[in-house]
Amino acid sequence: MAKFKIQKGLSDADMMKGFVETETFETAILKDNASTGNKLEAKVKSHKTEDDFYQEFLTERIKTEIGKLLLAIKMDYFKEDVKDFSIQVKRNGQHIVLETAPKKVK
């Protein structure tokens, strides 16, 4: 058996220079999955769920405003030494109300 001297300090590209992979069953399946996988992802993205439909009403500006207000409320609870609080969403006629309350410790 001949000994091969392995050069040190080579990059991956340098080590693979001149290597040609023969197509096997595994590589054929991987190529096929890679080409069809992109099509499946596109189909999944085009199909909207019920939650996606509801979230269309929340623009980035509205999400940011709600987030800022909830952070302010969280800081107020933190100053009162309340660690966890709950949020309830209620409808009052044409208004949407977010009610917060400290969580009860069991």
PDB file of N, CA and C in Angstrom:
ATOM      1  N   MET A   1       0.835  -1.169   0.000  1.00  0.00           N
ATOM      2  CA  MET A   1       0.000   0.000   0.000  1.00  0.00           C
ATOM      3  C   MET A   1       0.884   1.236   0.000  1.00  0.00           C
ATOM      4  N   ALA A   2       0.509   2.174  -0.818  1.00  0.00           N
ATOM      5  CA  ALA A   2       1.286   3.409  -0.901  1.00  0.00           C
ATOM      6  C   ALA A   2       0.751   4.401   0.100  1.00  0.00           C
ATOM      7  N   LYS A   3       1.661   5.174   0.661  1.00  0.00           N
ATOM      8  CA  LYS A   3       1.257   6.212   1.601  1.00  0.00           C
ATOM      9  C   LYS A   3       1.138   7.519   0.829  1.00  0.00           C
ATOM     10  N   PHE A   4       0.095   8.228   1.131  1.00  0.00           N
ATOM     11  CA  PHE A   4      -0.105   9.529   0.502  1.00  0.00           C
ATOM     12  C   PHE A   4       0.202  10.597   1.539  1.00  0.00           C
ATOM     13  N   LYS A   5       0.923  11.598   1.127  1.00  0.00           N
ATOM     14  CA  LYS A   5       1.241  12.703   2.019  1.00  0.00           C
ATOM     15  C   LYS A   5       0.101  13.715   1.918  1.00  0.00           C
ATOM     16  N   ILE A   6      -0.514  14.029   3.040  1.00  0.00           N
ATOM     17  CA  ILE A   6      -1.610  14.988   3.086  1.00  0.00           C
ATOM     18  C   ILE A   6      -1.027  16.358   3.377  1.00  0.00           C
ATOM     19  N   GLN A   7      -1.289  17.283   2.475  1.00  0.00           N
ATOM     20  CA  GLN A   7      -0.788  18.640   2.671  1.00  0.00           C
ATOM     21  C   GLN A   7      -1.638  19.349   3.711  1.00  0.00           C
ATOM     22  N   LYS A   8      -1.001  20.139   4.543  1.00  0.00           N
ATOM     23  CA  LYS A   8      -1.708  20.872   5.591  1.00  0.00           C
ATOM     24  C   LYS A   8      -1.927  22.301   5.145  1.00  0.00           C
ATOM     25  N   GLY A   9      -2.946  22.916   5.709  1.00  0.00           N
ATOM     26  CA  GLY A   9      -3.216  24.331   5.462  1.00  0.00           C
ATOM     27  C   GLY A   9      -3.960  24.597   4.160  1.00  0.00           C
ATOM     28  N   LEU A  10      -4.552  23.594   3.552  1.00  0.00           N
ATOM     29  CA  LEU A  10      -5.291  23.799   2.312  1.00  0.00           C
ATOM     30  C   LEU A  10      -6.731  24.197   2.633  1.00  0.00           C
ATOM     31  N   SER A  11      -7.298  25.029   1.773  1.00  0.00           N
ATOM     32  CA  SER A  11      -8.704  25.380   1.935  1.00  0.00           C
ATOM     33  C   SER A  11      -9.550  24.233   1.385  1.00  0.00           C
ATOM     34  N   ASP A  12     -10.843  24.292   1.657  1.00  0.00           N
ATOM     35  CA  ASP A  12     -11.743  23.253   1.159  1.00  0.00           C
ATOM     36  C   ASP A  12     -11.727  23.214  -0.368  1.00  0.00           C
ATOM     37  N   ALA A  13     -11.717  24.386  -0.988  1.00  0.00           N
ATOM     38  CA  ALA A  13     -11.716  24.441  -2.449  1.00  0.00           C
ATOM     39  C   ALA A  13     -10.446  23.821  -3.013  1.00  0.00           C
ATOM     40  N   ASP A  14      -9.299  24.080  -2.353  1.00  0.00           N
ATOM     41  CA  ASP A  14      -8.039  23.506  -2.818  1.00  0.00           C
ATOM     42  C   ASP A  14      -8.038  21.981  -2.668  1.00  0.00           C
ATOM     43  N   MET A  15      -8.618  21.486  -1.597  1.00  0.00           N
ATOM     44  CA  MET A  15      -8.655  20.037  -1.384  1.00  0.00           C
ATOM     45  C   MET A  15      -9.558  19.344  -2.396  1.00  0.00           C
ATOM     46  N   MET A  16     -10.619  20.017  -2.820  1.00  0.00           N
ATOM     47  CA  MET A  16     -11.567  19.398  -3.737  1.00  0.00           C
ATOM     48  C   MET A  16     -11.235  19.676  -5.204  1.00  0.00           C
ATOM     49  N   LYS A  17     -10.142  20.368  -5.464  1.00  0.00           N
ATOM     50  CA  LYS A  17      -9.748  20.692  -6.833  1.00  0.00           C
ATOM     51  C   LYS A  17      -9.494  19.402  -7.614  1.00  0.00           C
ATOM     52  N   GLY A  18     -10.127  19.305  -8.768  1.00  0.00           N
ATOM     53  CA  GLY A  18      -9.925  18.136  -9.606  1.00  0.00           C
ATOM     54  C   GLY A  18     -10.829  16.966  -9.262  1.00  0.00           C
ATOM     55  N   PHE A  19     -11.632  17.062  -8.222  1.00  0.00           N
ATOM     56  CA  PHE A  19     -12.511  15.969  -7.822  1.00  0.00           C
ATOM     57  C   PHE A  19     -13.808  16.045  -8.613  1.00  0.00           C
ATOM     58  N   VAL A  20     -14.193  14.959  -9.219  1.00  0.00           N
ATOM     59  CA  VAL A  20     -15.453  14.878  -9.955  1.00  0.00           C
ATOM     60  C   VAL A  20     -16.281  13.783  -9.308  1.00  0.00           C
ATOM     61  N   GLU A  21     -17.474  14.156  -8.861  1.00  0.00           N
ATOM     62  CA  GLU A  21     -18.330  13.195  -8.179  1.00  0.00           C
ATOM     63  C   GLU A  21     -19.151  12.422  -9.203  1.00  0.00           C
ATOM     64  N   THR A  22     -19.128  11.112  -9.087  1.00  0.00           N
ATOM     65  CA  THR A  22     -19.953  10.297  -9.972  1.00  0.00           C
ATOM     66  C   THR A  22     -21.360  10.260  -9.401  1.00  0.00           C
ATOM     67  N   GLU A  23     -22.346  10.266 -10.288  1.00  0.00           N
ATOM     68  CA  GLU A  23     -23.722  10.296  -9.820  1.00  0.00           C
ATOM     69  C   GLU A  23     -24.120   8.924  -9.292  1.00  0.00           C
ATOM     70  N   THR A  24     -24.598   8.929  -8.071  1.00  0.00           N
ATOM     71  CA  THR A  24     -25.077   7.706  -7.435  1.00  0.00           C
ATOM     72  C   THR A  24     -26.562   7.877  -7.129  1.00  0.00           C
ATOM     73  N   PHE A  25     -27.143   6.880  -6.549  1.00  0.00           N
ATOM     74  CA  PHE A  25     -28.552   6.930  -6.176  1.00  0.00           C
ATOM     75  C   PHE A  25     -28.814   8.091  -5.218  1.00  0.00           C
ATOM     76  N   GLU A  26     -27.925   8.244  -4.231  1.00  0.00           N
ATOM     77  CA  GLU A  26     -28.105   9.282  -3.225  1.00  0.00           C
ATOM     78  C   GLU A  26     -28.013  10.678  -3.828  1.00  0.00           C
ATOM     79  N   THR A  27     -27.008  10.920  -4.677  1.00  0.00           N
ATOM     80  CA  THR A  27     -26.858  12.253  -5.254  1.00  0.00           C
ATOM     81  C   THR A  27     -28.005  12.576  -6.207  1.00  0.00           C
ATOM     82  N   ALA A  28     -28.522  11.569  -6.913  1.00  0.00           N
ATOM     83  CA  ALA A  28     -29.662  11.798  -7.805  1.00  0.00           C
ATOM     84  C   ALA A  28     -30.892  12.200  -7.004  1.00  0.00           C
ATOM     85  N   ILE A  29     -31.123  11.530  -5.883  1.00  0.00           N
ATOM     86  CA  ILE A  29     -32.272  11.860  -5.028  1.00  0.00           C
ATOM     87  C   ILE A  29     -32.102  13.268  -4.445  1.00  0.00           C
ATOM     88  N   LEU A  30     -30.895  13.608  -3.999  1.00  0.00           N
ATOM     89  CA  LEU A  30     -30.654  14.936  -3.436  1.00  0.00           C
ATOM     90  C   LEU A  30     -30.890  16.032  -4.472  1.00  0.00           C
ATOM     91  N   LYS A  31     -30.450  15.810  -5.704  1.00  0.00           N
ATOM     92  CA  LYS A  31     -30.681  16.790  -6.769  1.00  0.00           C
ATOM     93  C   LYS A  31     -32.173  16.933  -7.033  1.00  0.00           C
ATOM     94  N   ASP A  32     -32.883  15.818  -7.067  1.00  0.00           N
ATOM     95  CA  ASP A  32     -34.314  15.846  -7.330  1.00  0.00           C
ATOM     96  C   ASP A  32     -35.051  16.579  -6.210  1.00  0.00           C
ATOM     97  N   ASN A  33     -34.689  16.307  -4.964  1.00  0.00           N
ATOM     98  CA  ASN A  33     -35.331  16.980  -3.830  1.00  0.00           C
ATOM     99  C   ASN A  33     -35.034  18.468  -3.829  1.00  0.00           C
ATOM    100  N   ALA A  34     -33.834  18.853  -4.201  1.00  0.00           N
ATOM    101  CA  ALA A  34     -33.471  20.260  -4.229  1.00  0.00           C
ATOM    102  C   ALA A  34     -34.275  21.011  -5.284  1.00  0.00           C
ATOM    103  N   SER A  35     -34.501  20.378  -6.427  1.00  0.00           N
ATOM    104  CA  SER A  35     -35.245  21.063  -7.491  1.00  0.00           C
ATOM    105  C   SER A  35     -36.736  21.127  -7.179  1.00  0.00           C
ATOM    106  N   THR A  36     -37.309  20.107  -6.559  1.00  0.00           N
ATOM    107  CA  THR A  36     -38.734  20.132  -6.239  1.00  0.00           C
ATOM    108  C   THR A  36     -39.003  20.829  -4.920  1.00  0.00           C
ATOM    109  N   GLY A  37     -38.021  20.911  -4.056  1.00  0.00           N
ATOM    110  CA  GLY A  37     -38.210  21.567  -2.759  1.00  0.00           C
ATOM    111  C   GLY A  37     -38.547  23.035  -2.906  1.00  0.00           C
ATOM    112  N   ASN A  38     -37.945  23.717  -3.854  1.00  0.00           N
ATOM    113  CA  ASN A  38     -38.231  25.129  -4.066  1.00  0.00           C
ATOM    114  C   ASN A  38     -39.661  25.341  -4.540  1.00  0.00           C
ATOM    115  N   LYS A  39     -40.173  24.437  -5.355  1.00  0.00           N
ATOM    116  CA  LYS A  39     -41.539  24.554  -5.831  1.00  0.00           C
ATOM    117  C   LYS A  39     -42.527  24.370  -4.690  1.00  0.00           C
ATOM    118  N   LEU A  40     -42.237  23.433  -3.792  1.00  0.00           N
ATOM    119  CA  LEU A  40     -43.128  23.190  -2.665  1.00  0.00           C
ATOM    120  C   LEU A  40     -43.161  24.390  -1.735  1.00  0.00           C
ATOM    121  N   GLU A  41     -42.019  25.015  -1.500  1.00  0.00           N
ATOM    122  CA  GLU A  41     -41.982  26.186  -0.625  1.00  0.00           C
ATOM    123  C   GLU A  41     -42.794  27.318  -1.216  1.00  0.00           C
ATOM    124  N   ALA A  42     -42.749  27.490  -2.520  1.00  0.00           N
ATOM    125  CA  ALA A  42     -43.520  28.543  -3.178  1.00  0.00           C
ATOM    126  C   ALA A  42     -45.012  28.289  -3.020  1.00  0.00           C
ATOM    127  N   LYS A  43     -45.432  27.022  -3.122  1.00  0.00           N
ATOM    128  CA  LYS A  43     -46.841  26.696  -2.946  1.00  0.00           C
ATOM    129  C   LYS A  43     -47.286  26.948  -1.511  1.00  0.00           C
ATOM    130  N   VAL A  44     -46.453  26.615  -0.547  1.00  0.00           N
ATOM    131  CA  VAL A  44     -46.802  26.807   0.854  1.00  0.00           C
ATOM    132  C   VAL A  44     -46.938  28.291   1.164  1.00  0.00           C
ATOM    133  N   LYS A  45     -46.055  29.100   0.616  1.00  0.00           N
ATOM    134  CA  LYS A  45     -46.107  30.539   0.877  1.00  0.00           C
ATOM    135  C   LYS A  45     -47.340  31.173   0.253  1.00  0.00           C
ATOM    136  N   SER A  46     -47.805  30.661  -0.880  1.00  0.00           N
ATOM    137  CA  SER A  46     -48.957  31.259  -1.533  1.00  0.00           C
ATOM    138  C   SER A  46     -50.257  30.906  -0.813  1.00  0.00           C
ATOM    139  N   HIS A  47     -50.281  29.819  -0.060  1.00  0.00           N
ATOM    140  CA  HIS A  47     -51.472  29.398   0.666  1.00  0.00           C
ATOM    141  C   HIS A  47     -51.535  30.142   1.995  1.00  0.00           C
ATOM    142  N   LYS A  48     -52.562  30.957   2.169  1.00  0.00           N
ATOM    143  CA  LYS A  48     -52.683  31.742   3.395  1.00  0.00           C
ATOM    144  C   LYS A  48     -53.565  31.016   4.400  1.00  0.00           C
ATOM    145  N   THR A  49     -53.140  31.067   5.631  1.00  0.00           N
ATOM    146  CA  THR A  49     -53.928  30.462   6.688  1.00  0.00           C
ATOM    147  C   THR A  49     -54.899  31.508   7.246  1.00  0.00           C
ATOM    148  N   GLU A  50     -55.738  31.075   8.129  1.00  0.00           N
ATOM    149  CA  GLU A  50     -56.707  31.981   8.749  1.00  0.00           C
ATOM    150  C   GLU A  50     -55.986  33.043   9.576  1.00  0.00           C
ATOM    151  N   ASP A  51     -54.898  32.658  10.263  1.00  0.00           N
ATOM    152  CA  ASP A  51     -54.130  33.620  11.054  1.00  0.00           C
ATOM    153  C   ASP A  51     -53.493  34.673  10.163  1.00  0.00           C
ATOM    154  N   ASP A  52     -53.001  34.271   8.989  1.00  0.00           N
ATOM    155  CA  ASP A  52     -52.417  35.244   8.057  1.00  0.00           C
ATOM    156  C   ASP A  52     -53.463  36.264   7.624  1.00  0.00           C
ATOM    157  N   PHE A  53     -54.676  35.795   7.405  1.00  0.00           N
ATOM    158  CA  PHE A  53     -55.757  36.703   7.006  1.00  0.00           C
ATOM    159  C   PHE A  53     -56.012  37.742   8.088  1.00  0.00           C
ATOM    160  N   TYR A  54     -56.059  37.321   9.344  1.00  0.00           N
ATOM    161  CA  TYR A  54     -56.321  38.249  10.437  1.00  0.00           C
ATOM    162  C   TYR A  54     -55.175  39.231  10.637  1.00  0.00           C
ATOM    163  N   GLN A  55     -53.954  38.788  10.403  1.00  0.00           N
ATOM    164  CA  GLN A  55     -52.798  39.649  10.632  1.00  0.00           C
ATOM    165  C   GLN A  55     -52.605  40.689   9.541  1.00  0.00           C
ATOM    166  N   GLU A  56     -53.318  40.573   8.422  1.00  0.00           N
ATOM    167  CA  GLU A  56     -53.218  41.583   7.372  1.00  0.00           C
ATOM    168  C   GLU A  56     -53.700  42.940   7.855  1.00  0.00           C
ATOM    169  N   PHE A  57     -54.571  42.966   8.841  1.00  0.00           N
ATOM    170  CA  PHE A  57     -55.090  44.226   9.361  1.00  0.00           C
ATOM    171  C   PHE A  57     -54.064  44.952  10.227  1.00  0.00           C
ATOM    172  N   LEU A  58     -53.074  44.228  10.737  1.00  0.00           N
ATOM    173  CA  LEU A  58     -52.061  44.830  11.598  1.00  0.00           C
ATOM    174  C   LEU A  58     -50.870  45.254  10.746  1.00  0.00           C
ATOM    175  N   THR A  59     -50.790  46.528  10.440  1.00  0.00           N
ATOM    176  CA  THR A  59     -49.647  47.036   9.690  1.00  0.00           C
ATOM    177  C   THR A  59     -48.447  47.117  10.621  1.00  0.00           C
ATOM    178  N   GLU A  60     -47.278  47.322  10.047  1.00  0.00           N
ATOM    179  CA  GLU A  60     -46.065  47.426  10.867  1.00  0.00           C
ATOM    180  C   GLU A  60     -46.160  48.611  11.825  1.00  0.00           C
ATOM    181  N   ARG A  61     -46.764  49.709  11.376  1.00  0.00           N
ATOM    182  CA  ARG A  61     -46.908  50.888  12.238  1.00  0.00           C
ATOM    183  C   ARG A  61     -47.783  50.569  13.444  1.00  0.00           C
ATOM    184  N   ILE A  62     -48.895  49.878  13.208  1.00  0.00           N
ATOM    185  CA  ILE A  62     -49.801  49.534  14.312  1.00  0.00           C
ATOM    186  C   ILE A  62     -49.129  48.554  15.267  1.00  0.00           C
ATOM    187  N   LYS A  63     -48.416  47.551  14.723  1.00  0.00           N
ATOM    188  CA  LYS A  63     -47.700  46.600  15.583  1.00  0.00           C
ATOM    189  C   LYS A  63     -46.673  47.317  16.446  1.00  0.00           C
ATOM    190  N   THR A  64     -45.979  48.290  15.860  1.00  0.00           N
ATOM    191  CA  THR A  64     -44.967  49.035  16.615  1.00  0.00           C
ATOM    192  C   THR A  64     -45.614  49.852  17.725  1.00  0.00           C
ATOM    193  N   GLU A  65     -46.713  50.524  17.426  1.00  0.00           N
ATOM    194  CA  GLU A  65     -47.397  51.328  18.440  1.00  0.00           C
ATOM    195  C   GLU A  65     -47.913  50.459  19.582  1.00  0.00           C
ATOM    196  N   ILE A  66     -48.519  49.338  19.245  1.00  0.00           N
ATOM    197  CA  ILE A  66     -49.024  48.426  20.285  1.00  0.00           C
ATOM    198  C   ILE A  66     -47.856  47.903  21.118  1.00  0.00           C
ATOM    199  N   GLY A  67     -46.761  47.546  20.458  1.00  0.00           N
ATOM    200  CA  GLY A  67     -45.586  47.045  21.175  1.00  0.00           C
ATOM    201  C   GLY A  67     -45.016  48.076  22.134  1.00  0.00           C
ATOM    202  N   LYS A  68     -44.953  49.336  21.712  1.00  0.00           N
ATOM    203  CA  LYS A  68     -44.433  50.398  22.582  1.00  0.00           C
ATOM    204  C   LYS A  68     -45.326  50.584  23.805  1.00  0.00           C
ATOM    205  N   LEU A  69     -46.631  50.587  23.586  1.00  0.00           N
ATOM    206  CA  LEU A  69     -47.554  50.765  24.704  1.00  0.00           C
ATOM    207  C   LEU A  69     -47.496  49.584  25.672  1.00  0.00           C
ATOM    208  N   LEU A  70     -47.408  48.359  25.136  1.00  0.00           N
ATOM    209  CA  LEU A  70     -47.315  47.189  26.008  1.00  0.00           C
ATOM    210  C   LEU A  70     -46.001  47.185  26.791  1.00  0.00           C
ATOM    211  N   LEU A  71     -44.930  47.660  26.169  1.00  0.00           N
ATOM    212  CA  LEU A  71     -43.657  47.756  26.887  1.00  0.00           C
ATOM    213  C   LEU A  71     -43.758  48.763  28.025  1.00  0.00           C
ATOM    214  N   ALA A  72     -44.437  49.889  27.786  1.00  0.00           N
ATOM    215  CA  ALA A  72     -44.623  50.893  28.843  1.00  0.00           C
ATOM    216  C   ALA A  72     -45.429  50.307  29.999  1.00  0.00           C
ATOM    217  N   ILE A  73     -46.467  49.533  29.671  1.00  0.00           N
ATOM    218  CA  ILE A  73     -47.279  48.895  30.714  1.00  0.00           C
ATOM    219  C   ILE A  73     -46.443  47.872  31.473  1.00  0.00           C
ATOM    220  N   LYS A  74     -45.620  47.118  30.756  1.00  0.00           N
ATOM    221  CA  LYS A  74     -44.768  46.121  31.402  1.00  0.00           C
ATOM    222  C   LYS A  74     -43.791  46.800  32.358  1.00  0.00           C
ATOM    223  N   MET A  75     -43.248  47.932  31.964  1.00  0.00           N
ATOM    224  CA  MET A  75     -42.321  48.662  32.840  1.00  0.00           C
ATOM    225  C   MET A  75     -43.044  49.184  34.087  1.00  0.00           C
ATOM    226  N   ASP A  76     -44.299  49.635  33.918  1.00  0.00           N
ATOM    227  CA  ASP A  76     -45.076  50.076  35.082  1.00  0.00           C
ATOM    228  C   ASP A  76     -45.299  48.918  36.055  1.00  0.00           C
ATOM    229  N   TYR A  77     -45.637  47.733  35.515  1.00  0.00           N
ATOM    230  CA  TYR A  77     -45.805  46.568  36.378  1.00  0.00           C
ATOM    231  C   TYR A  77     -44.477  46.196  37.044  1.00  0.00           C
ATOM    232  N   PHE A  78     -43.392  46.330  36.324  1.00  0.00           N
ATOM    233  CA  PHE A  78     -42.077  46.003  36.886  1.00  0.00           C
ATOM    234  C   PHE A  78     -41.744  46.924  38.056  1.00  0.00           C
ATOM    235  N   LYS A  79     -42.098  48.194  37.936  1.00  0.00           N
ATOM    236  CA  LYS A  79     -41.868  49.154  39.028  1.00  0.00           C
ATOM    237  C   LYS A  79     -42.692  48.794  40.258  1.00  0.00           C
ATOM    238  N   GLU A  80     -43.858  48.152  40.024  1.00  0.00           N
ATOM    239  CA  GLU A  80     -44.714  47.708  41.126  1.00  0.00           C
ATOM    240  C   GLU A  80     -44.322  46.312  41.608  1.00  0.00           C
ATOM    241  N   ASP A  81     -43.213  45.782  41.092  1.00  0.00           N
ATOM    242  CA  ASP A  81     -42.671  44.473  41.442  1.00  0.00           C
ATOM    243  C   ASP A  81     -43.602  43.329  41.015  1.00  0.00           C
ATOM    244  N   VAL A  82     -44.298  43.521  39.906  1.00  0.00           N
ATOM    245  CA  VAL A  82     -45.125  42.467  39.317  1.00  0.00           C
ATOM    246  C   VAL A  82     -44.345  41.895  38.150  1.00  0.00           C
ATOM    247  N   LYS A  83     -44.066  40.596  38.189  1.00  0.00           N
ATOM    248  CA  LYS A  83     -43.232  39.972  37.166  1.00  0.00           C
ATOM    249  C   LYS A  83     -44.022  39.559  35.924  1.00  0.00           C
ATOM    250  N   ASP A  84     -45.195  38.979  36.093  1.00  0.00           N
ATOM    251  CA  ASP A  84     -45.988  38.496  34.965  1.00  0.00           C
ATOM    252  C   ASP A  84     -47.350  39.171  34.963  1.00  0.00           C
ATOM    253  N   PHE A  85     -47.829  39.445  33.754  1.00  0.00           N
ATOM    254  CA  PHE A  85     -49.171  39.988  33.623  1.00  0.00           C
ATOM    255  C   PHE A  85     -49.834  39.375  32.404  1.00  0.00           C
ATOM    256  N   SER A  86     -51.155  39.411  32.411  1.00  0.00           N
ATOM    257  CA  SER A  86     -51.900  38.834  31.297  1.00  0.00           C
ATOM    258  C   SER A  86     -52.527  39.959  30.485  1.00  0.00           C
ATOM    259  N   ILE A  87     -52.806  39.646  29.230  1.00  0.00           N
ATOM    260  CA  ILE A  87     -53.435  40.612  28.332  1.00  0.00           C
ATOM    261  C   ILE A  87     -54.696  39.961  27.781  1.00  0.00           C
ATOM    262  N   GLN A  88     -55.800  40.678  27.868  1.00  0.00           N
ATOM    263  CA  GLN A  88     -57.053  40.205  27.291  1.00  0.00           C
ATOM    264  C   GLN A  88     -57.499  41.206  26.238  1.00  0.00           C
ATOM    265  N   VAL A  89     -57.967  40.690  25.118  1.00  0.00           N
ATOM    266  CA  VAL A  89     -58.461  41.531  24.035  1.00  0.00           C
ATOM    267  C   VAL A  89     -59.979  41.443  24.045  1.00  0.00           C
ATOM    268  N   LYS A  90     -60.624  42.616  24.105  1.00  0.00           N
ATOM    269  CA  LYS A  90     -62.087  42.663  24.138  1.00  0.00           C
ATOM    270  C   LYS A  90     -62.585  43.673  23.117  1.00  0.00           C
ATOM    271  N   ARG A  91     -63.799  43.456  22.671  1.00  0.00           N
ATOM    272  CA  ARG A  91     -64.441  44.391  21.757  1.00  0.00           C
ATOM    273  C   ARG A  91     -65.526  45.127  22.518  1.00  0.00           C
ATOM    274  N   ASN A  92     -65.525  46.454  22.393  1.00  0.00           N
ATOM    275  CA  ASN A  92     -66.506  47.299  23.050  1.00  0.00           C
ATOM    276  C   ASN A  92     -67.114  48.188  21.975  1.00  0.00           C
ATOM    277  N   GLY A  93     -68.172  47.692  21.332  1.00  0.00           N
ATOM    278  CA  GLY A  93     -68.790  48.429  20.230  1.00  0.00           C
ATOM    279  C   GLY A  93     -67.824  48.499  19.056  1.00  0.00           C
ATOM    280  N   GLN A  94     -67.432  49.711  18.664  1.00  0.00           N
ATOM    281  CA  GLN A  94     -66.496  49.907  17.572  1.00  0.00           C
ATOM    282  C   GLN A  94     -65.050  49.999  18.055  1.00  0.00           C
ATOM    283  N   HIS A  95     -64.807  49.723  19.316  1.00  0.00           N
ATOM    284  CA  HIS A  95     -63.476  49.856  19.906  1.00  0.00           C
ATOM    285  C   HIS A  95     -62.915  48.491  20.289  1.00  0.00           C
ATOM    286  N   ILE A  96     -61.616  48.370  20.167  1.00  0.00           N
ATOM    287  CA  ILE A  96     -60.906  47.181  20.617  1.00  0.00           C
ATOM    288  C   ILE A  96     -60.125  47.595  21.855  1.00  0.00           C
ATOM    289  N   VAL A  97     -60.300  46.856  22.943  1.00  0.00           N
ATOM    290  CA  VAL A  97     -59.689  47.207  24.215  1.00  0.00           C
ATOM    291  C   VAL A  97     -58.726  46.100  24.637  1.00  0.00           C
ATOM    292  N   LEU A  98     -57.500  46.489  24.982  1.00  0.00           N
ATOM    293  CA  LEU A  98     -56.538  45.556  25.557  1.00  0.00           C
ATOM    294  C   LEU A  98     -56.522  45.797  27.056  1.00  0.00           C
ATOM    295  N   GLU A  99     -56.890  44.793  27.824  1.00  0.00           N
ATOM    296  CA  GLU A  99     -56.890  44.914  29.280  1.00  0.00           C
ATOM    297  C   GLU A  99     -55.747  44.085  29.838  1.00  0.00           C
ATOM    298  N   THR A 100     -54.997  44.696  30.742  1.00  0.00           N
ATOM    299  CA  THR A 100     -53.899  43.972  31.378  1.00  0.00           C
ATOM    300  C   THR A 100     -54.219  43.797  32.852  1.00  0.00           C
ATOM    301  N   ALA A 101     -53.694  42.720  33.415  1.00  0.00           N
ATOM    302  CA  ALA A 101     -53.860  42.458  34.843  1.00  0.00           C
ATOM    303  C   ALA A 101     -52.702  41.581  35.293  1.00  0.00           C
ATOM    304  N   PRO A 102     -52.264  41.759  36.529  1.00  0.00           N
ATOM    305  CA  PRO A 102     -51.189  40.890  37.032  1.00  0.00           C
ATOM    306  C   PRO A 102     -51.664  39.440  37.093  1.00  0.00           C
ATOM    307  N   LYS A 103     -50.775  38.535  36.780  1.00  0.00           N
ATOM    308  CA  LYS A 103     -51.104  37.107  36.887  1.00  0.00           C
ATOM    309  C   LYS A 103     -51.063  36.712  38.352  1.00  0.00           C
ATOM    310  N   LYS A 104     -51.992  35.846  38.725  1.00  0.00           N
ATOM    311  CA  LYS A 104     -52.030  35.365  40.082  1.00  0.00           C
ATOM    312  C   LYS A 104     -50.997  34.294  40.282  1.00  0.00           C
ATOM    313  N   VAL A 105     -50.231  34.384  41.357  1.00  0.00           N
ATOM    314  CA  VAL A 105     -49.203  33.398  41.673  1.00  0.00           C
ATOM    315  C   VAL A 105     -49.838  32.273  42.434  1.00  0.00           C
ATOM    316  N   LYS A 106     -49.611  31.038  41.984  1.00  0.00           N
ATOM    317  CA  LYS A 106     -50.215  29.870  42.646  1.00  0.00           C
ATOM    318  C   LYS A 106     -49.299  29.330  43.691  1.00  0.00           C
TER     319      LYS A 106
END
